[in-house]
Amino acid sequence: MKGATLYGTLKRKAQRVQNILGDMGYSNQVVELPESTRTAEEAAAAIGCEVAQIAKSIIFRLANSSKPLLVVASGVNRVNEKKFSTLLQEKLKKADADFVREQTGFVIGGVAPIGHVREIMTFIDEGLFQYGTVWAAAGHPKAVFECSPDELVAFTGGQVMSIT
């Protein structure tokens, strides 16, 4: 990760994620990269890891209740929306940029799995557990943090399942 910036000189939202990690008692460090990490492919290239190690945060809007749903997916997996609709007994809708920002406090491409402005039901892709280390967005499109899949579950309180 050439050119990475450690916490202390982070952008405001990335520093917020760093502070939340510290307040939760974790020593994981948020880094800002010179390249974009907006997509899983860009993040993997910037970090130097496999695309599957990127824990991408995808926000959906539940059709009837308009509540948010967060699926933290491996960078190579697509969310099976029908599976979630059946599980939750509510159709999933794509969340637009305004909804994502309103519910999480973050912009698309920088949505962290933690630190949202509202409580969000969260599911974690079991596909992430094949790796000891994964990388998640940290509040800004160029900020990420490294964690284990178990830490990701602990941070979020998310339910682990197959998302495909």
N, C-alpha and C. Protein backbone atom coordinates (compact mmCIF):
# COMPACT_ATOMS: atom_id res chain seq x y z
N MET A 1 0.84 -1.18 0.00
CA MET A 1 0.00 0.00 0.00
C MET A 1 0.88 1.24 0.00
N LYS A 2 1.43 1.54 -1.12
CA LYS A 2 2.28 2.72 -1.25
C LYS A 2 1.46 3.98 -1.07
N GLY A 3 2.01 4.91 -0.34
CA GLY A 3 1.37 6.21 -0.18
C GLY A 3 0.22 6.23 0.80
N ALA A 4 0.02 5.17 1.57
CA ALA A 4 -1.09 5.12 2.52
C ALA A 4 -0.84 6.11 3.66
N THR A 5 -1.91 6.73 4.12
CA THR A 5 -1.86 7.66 5.23
C THR A 5 -2.52 7.01 6.43
N LEU A 6 -1.80 6.93 7.56
CA LEU A 6 -2.39 6.37 8.78
C LEU A 6 -3.25 7.41 9.47
N TYR A 7 -4.05 6.90 10.41
CA TYR A 7 -4.94 7.81 11.13
C TYR A 7 -4.15 8.92 11.80
N GLY A 8 -4.84 9.99 12.12
CA GLY A 8 -4.21 11.18 12.67
C GLY A 8 -4.28 12.31 11.67
N THR A 9 -4.22 11.99 10.39
CA THR A 9 -4.35 12.98 9.32
C THR A 9 -5.45 12.55 8.35
N LEU A 10 -6.41 11.83 8.87
CA LEU A 10 -7.49 11.29 8.03
C LEU A 10 -8.55 12.35 7.74
N LYS A 11 -9.27 12.12 6.66
CA LYS A 11 -10.45 12.94 6.37
C LYS A 11 -11.47 12.74 7.50
N ARG A 12 -12.36 13.70 7.66
CA ARG A 12 -13.28 13.72 8.81
C ARG A 12 -14.06 12.42 9.00
N LYS A 13 -14.67 11.88 7.95
CA LYS A 13 -15.49 10.65 8.08
C LYS A 13 -14.61 9.44 8.36
N ALA A 14 -13.43 9.39 7.77
CA ALA A 14 -12.50 8.29 8.04
C ALA A 14 -12.01 8.35 9.49
N GLN A 15 -11.77 9.56 9.98
CA GLN A 15 -11.37 9.72 11.38
C GLN A 15 -12.50 9.30 12.31
N ARG A 16 -13.74 9.57 11.92
CA ARG A 16 -14.89 9.14 12.71
C ARG A 16 -14.91 7.61 12.84
N VAL A 17 -14.65 6.90 11.73
CA VAL A 17 -14.60 5.44 11.78
C VAL A 17 -13.45 4.99 12.68
N GLN A 18 -12.29 5.64 12.55
CA GLN A 18 -11.15 5.30 13.42
C GLN A 18 -11.52 5.49 14.88
N ASN A 19 -12.18 6.58 15.20
CA ASN A 19 -12.58 6.85 16.58
C ASN A 19 -13.56 5.79 17.10
N ILE A 20 -14.49 5.37 16.24
CA ILE A 20 -15.47 4.35 16.63
C ILE A 20 -14.75 3.03 16.92
N LEU A 21 -13.82 2.66 16.05
CA LEU A 21 -13.05 1.43 16.30
C LEU A 21 -12.33 1.51 17.65
N GLY A 22 -11.69 2.64 17.92
CA GLY A 22 -11.00 2.82 19.19
C GLY A 22 -11.95 2.79 20.37
N ASP A 23 -13.09 3.45 20.23
CA ASP A 23 -14.09 3.47 21.31
C ASP A 23 -14.63 2.07 21.59
N MET A 24 -14.64 1.21 20.57
CA MET A 24 -15.10 -0.16 20.75
C MET A 24 -14.00 -1.06 21.31
N GLY A 25 -12.80 -0.50 21.49
CA GLY A 25 -11.71 -1.25 22.07
C GLY A 25 -10.83 -2.00 21.08
N TYR A 26 -10.94 -1.65 19.80
CA TYR A 26 -10.14 -2.31 18.77
C TYR A 26 -8.97 -1.43 18.34
N SER A 27 -7.88 -2.07 17.92
CA SER A 27 -6.69 -1.33 17.50
C SER A 27 -6.55 -1.28 15.98
N ASN A 28 -7.55 -1.74 15.24
CA ASN A 28 -7.51 -1.68 13.77
C ASN A 28 -7.27 -0.25 13.34
N GLN A 29 -6.47 -0.09 12.28
CA GLN A 29 -6.12 1.25 11.84
C GLN A 29 -6.71 1.56 10.48
N VAL A 30 -7.38 2.69 10.40
CA VAL A 30 -7.89 3.20 9.14
C VAL A 30 -6.73 3.79 8.36
N VAL A 31 -6.68 3.49 7.07
CA VAL A 31 -5.67 4.09 6.19
C VAL A 31 -6.38 4.74 5.01
N GLU A 32 -5.80 5.82 4.54
CA GLU A 32 -6.28 6.46 3.31
C GLU A 32 -5.26 6.18 2.22
N LEU A 33 -5.77 5.80 1.08
CA LEU A 33 -4.91 5.44 -0.04
C LEU A 33 -4.96 6.52 -1.11
N PRO A 34 -3.90 6.66 -1.89
CA PRO A 34 -3.91 7.68 -2.94
C PRO A 34 -4.87 7.32 -4.07
N GLU A 35 -5.14 6.02 -4.25
CA GLU A 35 -6.05 5.58 -5.30
C GLU A 35 -7.45 5.40 -4.72
N SER A 36 -8.45 5.41 -5.60
CA SER A 36 -9.83 5.19 -5.20
C SER A 36 -10.03 3.75 -4.72
N THR A 37 -10.86 3.60 -3.72
CA THR A 37 -11.28 2.28 -3.26
C THR A 37 -12.80 2.17 -3.37
N ARG A 38 -13.38 2.94 -4.27
CA ARG A 38 -14.85 3.03 -4.43
C ARG A 38 -15.47 1.70 -4.83
N THR A 39 -14.78 0.91 -5.67
CA THR A 39 -15.29 -0.41 -6.05
C THR A 39 -14.39 -1.48 -5.45
N ALA A 40 -14.90 -2.69 -5.39
CA ALA A 40 -14.11 -3.79 -4.84
C ALA A 40 -12.83 -4.00 -5.66
N GLU A 41 -12.94 -3.89 -6.97
CA GLU A 41 -11.78 -4.08 -7.83
C GLU A 41 -10.73 -2.99 -7.58
N GLU A 42 -11.18 -1.73 -7.50
CA GLU A 42 -10.25 -0.63 -7.23
C GLU A 42 -9.60 -0.80 -5.86
N ALA A 43 -10.38 -1.20 -4.87
CA ALA A 43 -9.85 -1.37 -3.52
C ALA A 43 -8.80 -2.47 -3.49
N ALA A 44 -9.09 -3.61 -4.11
CA ALA A 44 -8.14 -4.72 -4.13
C ALA A 44 -6.84 -4.32 -4.81
N ALA A 45 -6.95 -3.60 -5.93
CA ALA A 45 -5.75 -3.15 -6.64
C ALA A 45 -4.94 -2.18 -5.78
N ALA A 46 -5.60 -1.27 -5.09
CA ALA A 46 -4.90 -0.28 -4.26
C ALA A 46 -4.25 -0.92 -3.04
N ILE A 47 -4.92 -1.92 -2.47
CA ILE A 47 -4.42 -2.58 -1.26
C ILE A 47 -3.39 -3.65 -1.59
N GLY A 48 -3.61 -4.34 -2.72
CA GLY A 48 -2.74 -5.46 -3.07
C GLY A 48 -3.26 -6.77 -2.51
N CYS A 49 -4.58 -6.94 -2.51
CA CYS A 49 -5.18 -8.18 -2.02
C CYS A 49 -6.11 -8.74 -3.08
N GLU A 50 -6.73 -9.87 -2.80
CA GLU A 50 -7.70 -10.44 -3.72
C GLU A 50 -9.02 -9.67 -3.63
N VAL A 51 -9.73 -9.59 -4.74
CA VAL A 51 -11.02 -8.89 -4.75
C VAL A 51 -11.97 -9.52 -3.72
N ALA A 52 -11.88 -10.84 -3.54
CA ALA A 52 -12.75 -11.54 -2.59
C ALA A 52 -12.51 -11.11 -1.15
N GLN A 53 -11.35 -10.49 -0.85
CA GLN A 53 -11.04 -10.02 0.50
C GLN A 53 -11.63 -8.64 0.80
N ILE A 54 -12.25 -8.04 -0.17
CA ILE A 54 -12.89 -6.75 0.06
C ILE A 54 -14.28 -6.98 0.63
N ALA A 55 -14.54 -6.41 1.78
CA ALA A 55 -15.85 -6.52 2.43
C ALA A 55 -16.66 -5.29 2.02
N LYS A 56 -17.41 -5.44 0.92
CA LYS A 56 -18.14 -4.29 0.39
C LYS A 56 -19.48 -4.14 1.12
N SER A 57 -19.78 -2.92 1.51
CA SER A 57 -21.02 -2.60 2.22
C SER A 57 -22.06 -2.16 1.21
N ILE A 58 -23.14 -2.94 1.10
CA ILE A 58 -24.20 -2.65 0.15
C ILE A 58 -25.48 -2.34 0.93
N ILE A 59 -26.01 -1.16 0.70
CA ILE A 59 -27.24 -0.74 1.37
C ILE A 59 -28.43 -0.94 0.43
N PHE A 60 -29.46 -1.59 0.96
CA PHE A 60 -30.74 -1.73 0.26
C PHE A 60 -31.81 -1.00 1.05
N ARG A 61 -32.92 -0.74 0.38
CA ARG A 61 -34.08 -0.13 1.02
C ARG A 61 -35.19 -1.18 1.00
N LEU A 62 -35.76 -1.49 2.16
CA LEU A 62 -36.87 -2.43 2.20
C LEU A 62 -38.11 -1.72 1.64
N ALA A 63 -38.78 -2.36 0.69
CA ALA A 63 -39.82 -1.71 -0.10
C ALA A 63 -41.00 -1.20 0.73
N ASN A 64 -41.50 -1.99 1.66
CA ASN A 64 -42.70 -1.59 2.41
C ASN A 64 -42.39 -0.66 3.58
N SER A 65 -41.34 -0.99 4.33
CA SER A 65 -41.04 -0.23 5.54
C SER A 65 -40.08 0.93 5.29
N SER A 66 -39.41 0.94 4.15
CA SER A 66 -38.38 1.93 3.82
C SER A 66 -37.21 1.91 4.80
N LYS A 67 -37.05 0.80 5.52
CA LYS A 67 -35.90 0.65 6.41
C LYS A 67 -34.68 0.24 5.60
N PRO A 68 -33.48 0.60 6.09
CA PRO A 68 -32.27 0.19 5.40
C PRO A 68 -31.88 -1.24 5.77
N LEU A 69 -31.17 -1.88 4.87
CA LEU A 69 -30.58 -3.19 5.09
C LEU A 69 -29.15 -3.11 4.60
N LEU A 70 -28.21 -3.58 5.41
CA LEU A 70 -26.80 -3.61 5.02
C LEU A 70 -26.38 -5.06 4.82
N VAL A 71 -25.82 -5.33 3.65
CA VAL A 71 -25.20 -6.62 3.39
C VAL A 71 -23.72 -6.35 3.16
N VAL A 72 -22.88 -6.96 4.00
CA VAL A 72 -21.43 -6.83 3.84
C VAL A 72 -20.99 -8.08 3.08
N ALA A 73 -20.66 -7.88 1.81
CA ALA A 73 -20.41 -8.99 0.89
C ALA A 73 -18.96 -9.07 0.48
N SER A 74 -18.52 -10.27 0.20
CA SER A 74 -17.20 -10.46 -0.42
C SER A 74 -17.22 -9.76 -1.76
N GLY A 75 -16.10 -9.14 -2.11
CA GLY A 75 -16.00 -8.37 -3.34
C GLY A 75 -16.32 -9.12 -4.61
N VAL A 76 -16.31 -10.44 -4.58
CA VAL A 76 -16.62 -11.23 -5.77
C VAL A 76 -18.06 -11.72 -5.81
N ASN A 77 -18.81 -11.52 -4.75
CA ASN A 77 -20.17 -12.06 -4.68
C ASN A 77 -21.24 -11.01 -4.96
N ARG A 78 -22.30 -11.47 -5.61
CA ARG A 78 -23.50 -10.65 -5.82
C ARG A 78 -24.55 -11.08 -4.81
N VAL A 79 -25.28 -10.13 -4.30
CA VAL A 79 -26.33 -10.41 -3.33
C VAL A 79 -27.53 -11.01 -4.06
N ASN A 80 -28.01 -12.14 -3.55
CA ASN A 80 -29.22 -12.77 -4.08
C ASN A 80 -30.41 -12.05 -3.44
N GLU A 81 -30.94 -11.07 -4.13
CA GLU A 81 -32.01 -10.24 -3.59
C GLU A 81 -33.28 -11.03 -3.31
N LYS A 82 -33.57 -12.03 -4.14
CA LYS A 82 -34.76 -12.87 -3.91
C LYS A 82 -34.64 -13.62 -2.59
N LYS A 83 -33.44 -14.11 -2.29
CA LYS A 83 -33.20 -14.84 -1.04
C LYS A 83 -33.51 -13.93 0.16
N PHE A 84 -33.04 -12.69 0.10
CA PHE A 84 -33.28 -11.76 1.20
C PHE A 84 -34.74 -11.34 1.27
N SER A 85 -35.37 -11.17 0.12
CA SER A 85 -36.79 -10.82 0.11
C SER A 85 -37.61 -11.92 0.78
N THR A 86 -37.28 -13.16 0.49
CA THR A 86 -37.97 -14.29 1.12
C THR A 86 -37.69 -14.32 2.62
N LEU A 87 -36.44 -14.19 2.99
CA LEU A 87 -36.05 -14.22 4.39
C LEU A 87 -36.74 -13.12 5.20
N LEU A 88 -36.76 -11.92 4.65
CA LEU A 88 -37.30 -10.77 5.37
C LEU A 88 -38.77 -10.53 5.09
N GLN A 89 -39.33 -11.29 4.16
CA GLN A 89 -40.73 -11.14 3.75
C GLN A 89 -41.04 -9.71 3.33
N GLU A 90 -40.07 -9.16 2.61
CA GLU A 90 -40.22 -7.80 2.10
C GLU A 90 -39.27 -7.64 0.91
N LYS A 91 -39.76 -7.06 -0.14
CA LYS A 91 -38.95 -6.86 -1.35
C LYS A 91 -37.84 -5.84 -1.09
N LEU A 92 -36.68 -6.11 -1.70
CA LEU A 92 -35.56 -5.17 -1.60
C LEU A 92 -35.59 -4.22 -2.78
N LYS A 93 -35.29 -2.97 -2.50
CA LYS A 93 -35.15 -1.97 -3.56
C LYS A 93 -33.72 -1.45 -3.53
N LYS A 94 -33.26 -1.00 -4.68
CA LYS A 94 -31.96 -0.34 -4.73
C LYS A 94 -32.06 0.96 -3.93
N ALA A 95 -31.01 1.24 -3.19
CA ALA A 95 -30.97 2.48 -2.42
C ALA A 95 -30.24 3.54 -3.24
N ASP A 96 -30.85 4.71 -3.37
CA ASP A 96 -30.17 5.78 -4.09
C ASP A 96 -29.17 6.48 -3.17
N ALA A 97 -28.37 7.35 -3.75
CA ALA A 97 -27.29 8.02 -3.01
C ALA A 97 -27.81 8.81 -1.82
N ASP A 98 -28.95 9.48 -1.98
CA ASP A 98 -29.51 10.27 -0.87
C ASP A 98 -29.93 9.37 0.29
N PHE A 99 -30.58 8.24 -0.02
CA PHE A 99 -31.01 7.30 1.01
C PHE A 99 -29.80 6.74 1.75
N VAL A 100 -28.77 6.35 1.01
CA VAL A 100 -27.56 5.79 1.62
C VAL A 100 -26.94 6.82 2.57
N ARG A 101 -26.79 8.05 2.12
CA ARG A 101 -26.19 9.09 2.96
C ARG A 101 -27.06 9.38 4.19
N GLU A 102 -28.38 9.42 4.00
CA GLU A 102 -29.32 9.69 5.10
C GLU A 102 -29.27 8.60 6.17
N GLN A 103 -29.16 7.36 5.75
CA GLN A 103 -29.19 6.23 6.68
C GLN A 103 -27.84 5.91 7.32
N THR A 104 -26.76 6.15 6.57
CA THR A 104 -25.44 5.76 7.07
C THR A 104 -24.57 6.93 7.48
N GLY A 105 -24.77 8.08 6.86
CA GLY A 105 -23.87 9.21 7.08
C GLY A 105 -22.67 9.19 6.15
N PHE A 106 -22.62 8.20 5.26
CA PHE A 106 -21.51 8.03 4.33
C PHE A 106 -21.99 8.09 2.89
N VAL A 107 -21.07 8.40 1.97
CA VAL A 107 -21.40 8.39 0.55
C VAL A 107 -21.16 7.00 -0.02
N ILE A 108 -21.88 6.67 -1.09
CA ILE A 108 -21.66 5.40 -1.78
C ILE A 108 -20.19 5.33 -2.19
N GLY A 109 -19.60 4.17 -1.97
CA GLY A 109 -18.18 3.98 -2.27
C GLY A 109 -17.31 4.15 -1.03
N GLY A 110 -17.89 4.68 0.04
CA GLY A 110 -17.15 4.86 1.29
C GLY A 110 -17.94 4.38 2.50
N VAL A 111 -19.03 3.64 2.27
CA VAL A 111 -19.89 3.20 3.38
C VAL A 111 -19.15 2.18 4.23
N ALA A 112 -18.89 2.55 5.46
CA ALA A 112 -18.25 1.65 6.42
C ALA A 112 -19.31 0.69 6.96
N PRO A 113 -18.89 -0.47 7.45
CA PRO A 113 -19.86 -1.39 8.04
C PRO A 113 -20.29 -0.97 9.45
N ILE A 114 -19.67 0.07 9.98
CA ILE A 114 -19.97 0.57 11.33
C ILE A 114 -20.16 2.09 11.28
N GLY A 115 -20.69 2.64 12.40
CA GLY A 115 -20.74 4.09 12.54
C GLY A 115 -21.86 4.77 11.80
N HIS A 116 -22.93 4.05 11.54
CA HIS A 116 -24.06 4.64 10.81
C HIS A 116 -24.85 5.59 11.69
N VAL A 117 -25.53 6.53 11.09
CA VAL A 117 -26.33 7.48 11.84
C VAL A 117 -27.65 6.87 12.32
N ARG A 118 -28.04 5.74 11.74
CA ARG A 118 -29.23 5.01 12.16
C ARG A 118 -28.83 3.55 12.36
N GLU A 119 -29.58 2.86 13.19
CA GLU A 119 -29.35 1.42 13.36
C GLU A 119 -29.79 0.70 12.09
N ILE A 120 -28.95 -0.22 11.62
CA ILE A 120 -29.23 -0.90 10.36
C ILE A 120 -29.07 -2.40 10.54
N MET A 121 -30.12 -3.15 10.16
CA MET A 121 -30.04 -4.60 10.15
C MET A 121 -28.91 -5.01 9.20
N THR A 122 -28.03 -5.91 9.68
CA THR A 122 -26.82 -6.23 8.93
C THR A 122 -26.64 -7.73 8.77
N PHE A 123 -26.26 -8.12 7.56
CA PHE A 123 -25.89 -9.50 7.26
C PHE A 123 -24.47 -9.51 6.70
N ILE A 124 -23.71 -10.53 7.10
CA ILE A 124 -22.31 -10.68 6.69
C ILE A 124 -22.19 -11.92 5.80
N ASP A 125 -21.57 -11.76 4.66
CA ASP A 125 -21.35 -12.84 3.70
C ASP A 125 -20.40 -13.89 4.29
N GLU A 126 -20.89 -15.14 4.37
CA GLU A 126 -20.04 -16.21 4.88
C GLU A 126 -18.81 -16.44 4.00
N GLY A 127 -18.86 -15.98 2.75
CA GLY A 127 -17.72 -16.11 1.85
C GLY A 127 -16.48 -15.37 2.33
N LEU A 128 -16.64 -14.38 3.20
CA LEU A 128 -15.49 -13.64 3.74
C LEU A 128 -14.67 -14.49 4.70
N PHE A 129 -15.27 -15.56 5.25
CA PHE A 129 -14.61 -16.35 6.29
C PHE A 129 -13.55 -17.30 5.76
N GLN A 130 -13.37 -17.35 4.46
CA GLN A 130 -12.27 -18.16 3.92
C GLN A 130 -10.94 -17.43 4.03
N TYR A 131 -10.97 -16.17 4.47
CA TYR A 131 -9.77 -15.34 4.60
C TYR A 131 -9.54 -14.95 6.06
N GLY A 132 -8.28 -14.88 6.44
CA GLY A 132 -7.95 -14.42 7.79
C GLY A 132 -8.10 -12.92 7.92
N THR A 133 -7.92 -12.22 6.78
CA THR A 133 -7.97 -10.77 6.77
C THR A 133 -8.87 -10.30 5.63
N VAL A 134 -9.71 -9.33 5.94
CA VAL A 134 -10.53 -8.67 4.92
C VAL A 134 -10.38 -7.16 5.10
N TRP A 135 -10.81 -6.42 4.09
CA TRP A 135 -10.69 -4.96 4.10
C TRP A 135 -12.06 -4.35 3.88
N ALA A 136 -12.41 -3.39 4.72
CA ALA A 136 -13.71 -2.72 4.62
C ALA A 136 -13.52 -1.23 4.42
N ALA A 137 -14.51 -0.61 3.79
CA ALA A 137 -14.50 0.84 3.62
C ALA A 137 -14.53 1.52 4.99
N ALA A 138 -13.96 2.71 5.05
CA ALA A 138 -13.84 3.41 6.33
C ALA A 138 -14.36 4.84 6.25
N GLY A 139 -15.51 5.02 5.60
CA GLY A 139 -16.17 6.32 5.64
C GLY A 139 -15.83 7.29 4.53
N HIS A 140 -14.90 6.94 3.68
CA HIS A 140 -14.48 7.80 2.58
C HIS A 140 -14.07 6.90 1.41
N PRO A 141 -14.30 7.32 0.16
CA PRO A 141 -13.96 6.46 -0.98
C PRO A 141 -12.49 6.09 -1.14
N LYS A 142 -11.60 6.66 -0.35
CA LYS A 142 -10.19 6.27 -0.39
C LYS A 142 -9.69 5.72 0.95
N ALA A 143 -10.61 5.46 1.88
CA ALA A 143 -10.23 5.00 3.21
C ALA A 143 -10.74 3.58 3.46
N VAL A 144 -9.86 2.75 4.06
CA VAL A 144 -10.19 1.36 4.37
C VAL A 144 -9.59 0.99 5.72
N PHE A 145 -10.07 -0.13 6.26
CA PHE A 145 -9.42 -0.71 7.42
C PHE A 145 -9.43 -2.23 7.30
N GLU A 146 -8.41 -2.82 7.87
CA GLU A 146 -8.23 -4.26 7.84
C GLU A 146 -8.84 -4.87 9.11
N CYS A 147 -9.46 -6.03 8.96
CA CYS A 147 -10.00 -6.74 10.12
C CYS A 147 -10.16 -8.22 9.76
N SER A 148 -10.44 -9.00 10.76
CA SER A 148 -10.77 -10.41 10.51
C SER A 148 -12.28 -10.49 10.30
N PRO A 149 -12.76 -11.53 9.65
CA PRO A 149 -14.22 -11.69 9.52
C PRO A 149 -14.91 -11.76 10.88
N ASP A 150 -14.28 -12.40 11.85
CA ASP A 150 -14.88 -12.45 13.19
C ASP A 150 -15.00 -11.06 13.80
N GLU A 151 -13.99 -10.22 13.60
CA GLU A 151 -14.08 -8.84 14.09
C GLU A 151 -15.21 -8.11 13.39
N LEU A 152 -15.37 -8.34 12.11
CA LEU A 152 -16.44 -7.69 11.34
C LEU A 152 -17.80 -8.03 11.95
N VAL A 153 -17.99 -9.28 12.32
CA VAL A 153 -19.24 -9.69 12.97
C VAL A 153 -19.38 -8.99 14.32
N ALA A 154 -18.30 -8.95 15.08
CA ALA A 154 -18.34 -8.30 16.40
C ALA A 154 -18.63 -6.80 16.28
N PHE A 155 -18.00 -6.13 15.31
CA PHE A 155 -18.21 -4.69 15.11
C PHE A 155 -19.67 -4.38 14.80
N THR A 156 -20.25 -5.20 13.93
CA THR A 156 -21.56 -4.87 13.35
C THR A 156 -22.73 -5.53 14.05
N GLY A 157 -22.48 -6.63 14.75
CA GLY A 157 -23.58 -7.41 15.30
C GLY A 157 -24.36 -8.11 14.18
N GLY A 158 -23.72 -8.23 13.02
CA GLY A 158 -24.39 -8.80 11.86
C GLY A 158 -24.55 -10.30 11.93
N GLN A 159 -25.49 -10.80 11.17
CA GLN A 159 -25.77 -12.23 11.08
C GLN A 159 -25.02 -12.79 9.88
N VAL A 160 -24.28 -13.88 10.08
CA VAL A 160 -23.51 -14.50 9.00
C VAL A 160 -24.41 -15.46 8.22
N MET A 161 -24.35 -15.35 6.90
CA MET A 161 -25.11 -16.27 6.05
C MET A 161 -24.56 -16.27 4.64
N SER A 162 -25.00 -17.24 3.86
CA SER A 162 -24.69 -17.25 2.43
C SER A 162 -25.56 -16.18 1.77
N ILE A 163 -24.94 -15.28 1.05
CA ILE A 163 -25.71 -14.17 0.44
C ILE A 163 -26.00 -14.42 -1.02
N THR A 164 -25.43 -15.48 -1.59
CA THR A 164 -25.59 -15.73 -3.03
C THR A 164 -26.72 -16.70 -3.31
